[in-house]
Protein backbone atom coordinates (compact mmCIF):
# COMPACT_ATOMS: atom_id res chain seq x y z
CA UNK A 1 -2.53 -0.54 13.22
CA UNK A 2 -5.45 1.71 13.33
CA UNK A 3 -8.02 2.64 10.83
CA UNK A 4 -9.72 6.27 11.65
CA UNK A 5 -12.40 7.16 8.67
CA UNK A 6 -14.24 10.22 9.23
CA UNK A 7 -17.90 11.18 7.57
CA UNK A 8 -19.70 13.99 7.78
CA UNK A 9 -23.51 13.25 8.09
CA UNK A 10 -24.30 16.38 6.29
CA UNK A 11 -22.38 15.04 3.10
CA UNK A 12 -24.90 11.60 3.14
CA UNK A 13 -27.44 11.77 1.16
CA UNK A 14 -29.79 10.16 3.29
CA UNK A 15 -28.52 12.10 6.58
CA UNK A 16 -27.55 10.84 9.57
CA UNK A 17 -29.68 8.30 10.27
CA UNK A 18 -28.87 6.40 7.30
CA UNK A 19 -25.26 6.98 7.60
CA UNK A 20 -25.45 4.97 11.42
CA UNK A 21 -26.79 1.78 9.29
CA UNK A 22 -24.23 2.59 6.19
CA UNK A 23 -21.74 2.36 8.87
CA UNK A 24 -22.70 -0.04 10.91
CA UNK A 25 -22.88 -2.65 7.99
CA UNK A 26 -19.75 -1.92 7.27
CA UNK A 27 -18.03 -2.99 10.57
CA UNK A 28 -19.53 -5.88 10.57
CA UNK A 29 -18.51 -6.62 7.24
CA UNK A 30 -15.06 -5.87 8.16
CA UNK A 31 -14.73 -7.53 11.59
CA UNK A 32 -16.01 -10.93 9.62
CA UNK A 33 -12.51 -10.51 7.79
CA UNK A 34 -9.31 -12.47 9.04
CA UNK A 35 -7.13 -9.78 10.94
CA UNK A 36 -9.41 -7.70 12.24
CA UNK A 37 -9.05 -6.77 16.08
CA UNK A 38 -11.58 -4.40 17.15
CA UNK A 39 -13.97 -1.31 15.84
CA UNK A 40 -16.65 0.65 16.43
CA UNK A 41 -18.94 3.49 15.06
CA UNK A 42 -18.72 6.78 16.83
CA UNK A 43 -20.10 10.34 17.36
CA UNK A 44 -18.44 13.50 18.19
CA UNK A 45 -19.78 14.45 21.22
CA UNK A 46 -18.76 18.15 20.66
CA UNK A 47 -19.88 18.00 17.09
CA UNK A 48 -22.49 15.56 16.28
CA UNK A 49 -22.40 15.30 12.71
CA UNK A 50 -18.88 14.39 13.07
CA UNK A 51 -18.80 10.64 12.35
CA UNK A 52 -16.21 7.99 12.67
CA UNK A 53 -15.20 4.23 11.47
CA UNK A 54 -12.34 2.87 13.48
CA UNK A 55 -11.09 -0.31 13.28
CA UNK A 56 -8.00 -1.85 14.61
CA UNK A 57 -5.66 -4.50 12.56
CA UNK A 58 -3.19 -6.76 13.16
CA UNK A 59 -1.45 -5.83 10.52
CA UNK A 60 -1.29 -2.81 7.24
CA UNK A 61 -1.77 -6.82 5.18
CA UNK A 62 -4.81 -7.73 6.80
CA UNK A 63 -6.63 -4.53 6.29
CA UNK A 64 -5.51 -4.03 2.75
CA UNK A 65 -6.95 -7.82 1.65
CA UNK A 66 -10.46 -7.11 4.09
CA UNK A 67 -10.99 -4.22 1.86
CA UNK A 68 -10.57 -5.92 -1.54
CA UNK A 69 -13.07 -9.06 -0.67
CA UNK A 70 -15.60 -9.03 -3.05
CA UNK A 71 -18.00 -7.98 -0.40
CA UNK A 72 -16.47 -4.94 0.60
CA UNK A 73 -15.59 -4.05 -2.72
CA UNK A 74 -19.65 -4.46 -3.41
CA UNK A 75 -21.00 -2.98 0.14
CA UNK A 76 -18.42 -1.27 1.81
CA UNK A 77 -16.02 0.99 -0.90
CA UNK A 78 -18.95 3.06 -1.97
CA UNK A 79 -19.47 4.10 2.00
CA UNK A 80 -15.83 4.06 2.87
CA UNK A 81 -15.62 6.55 -0.62
CA UNK A 82 -17.92 9.03 1.49
CA UNK A 83 -14.92 9.54 4.03
CA UNK A 84 -13.17 13.07 4.61
CA UNK A 85 -10.10 13.07 2.37
CA UNK A 86 -7.55 12.95 5.05
CA UNK A 87 -4.58 10.22 6.01
CA UNK A 88 -6.63 7.51 8.46
CA UNK A 89 -4.24 4.61 8.76
CA UNK A 90 -1.89 5.03 11.93
CA UNK A 91 0.60 2.48 13.90
CA UNK A 92 -0.18 1.85 17.23
CA UNK A 93 2.68 3.32 19.32
CA UNK A 94 3.64 1.37 22.20
CA UNK A 95 6.60 2.06 24.34
CA UNK A 96 10.11 1.38 23.59
CA UNK A 97 8.06 -0.27 19.94
CA UNK A 98 10.55 0.93 16.75
CA UNK A 99 8.47 2.97 14.55
CA UNK A 100 7.65 3.09 11.08
CA UNK A 101 10.41 4.66 8.82
CA UNK A 102 9.02 7.43 6.03
CA UNK A 103 11.15 6.08 2.92
CA UNK A 104 10.08 5.26 -0.58
CA UNK A 105 8.89 1.78 -0.91
CA UNK A 106 10.49 0.90 -4.22
CA UNK A 107 13.97 1.93 -5.71
């Protein structure tokens, strides 16, 4: 699965340099967790105020377990909570792969 968290540097109280440092710290924490596959911090080329923390995970459970770790709750959630409020979890679409079905998870 892919996770895309987008941020506006103008929304960060200390500006773009501190946002970059915060995102790099959070990425480092996420990268240390089981199930992490790859990731990076990026800045939009057309709109440099827009940043992204993109990560790829073996599955949604690995990502959720990473977020529930003590280190991420302490250092990551405060940064991630400033992300633009939009859906950020994506399934990887590969040729012939059956996609997730949007059905209720409970009965």
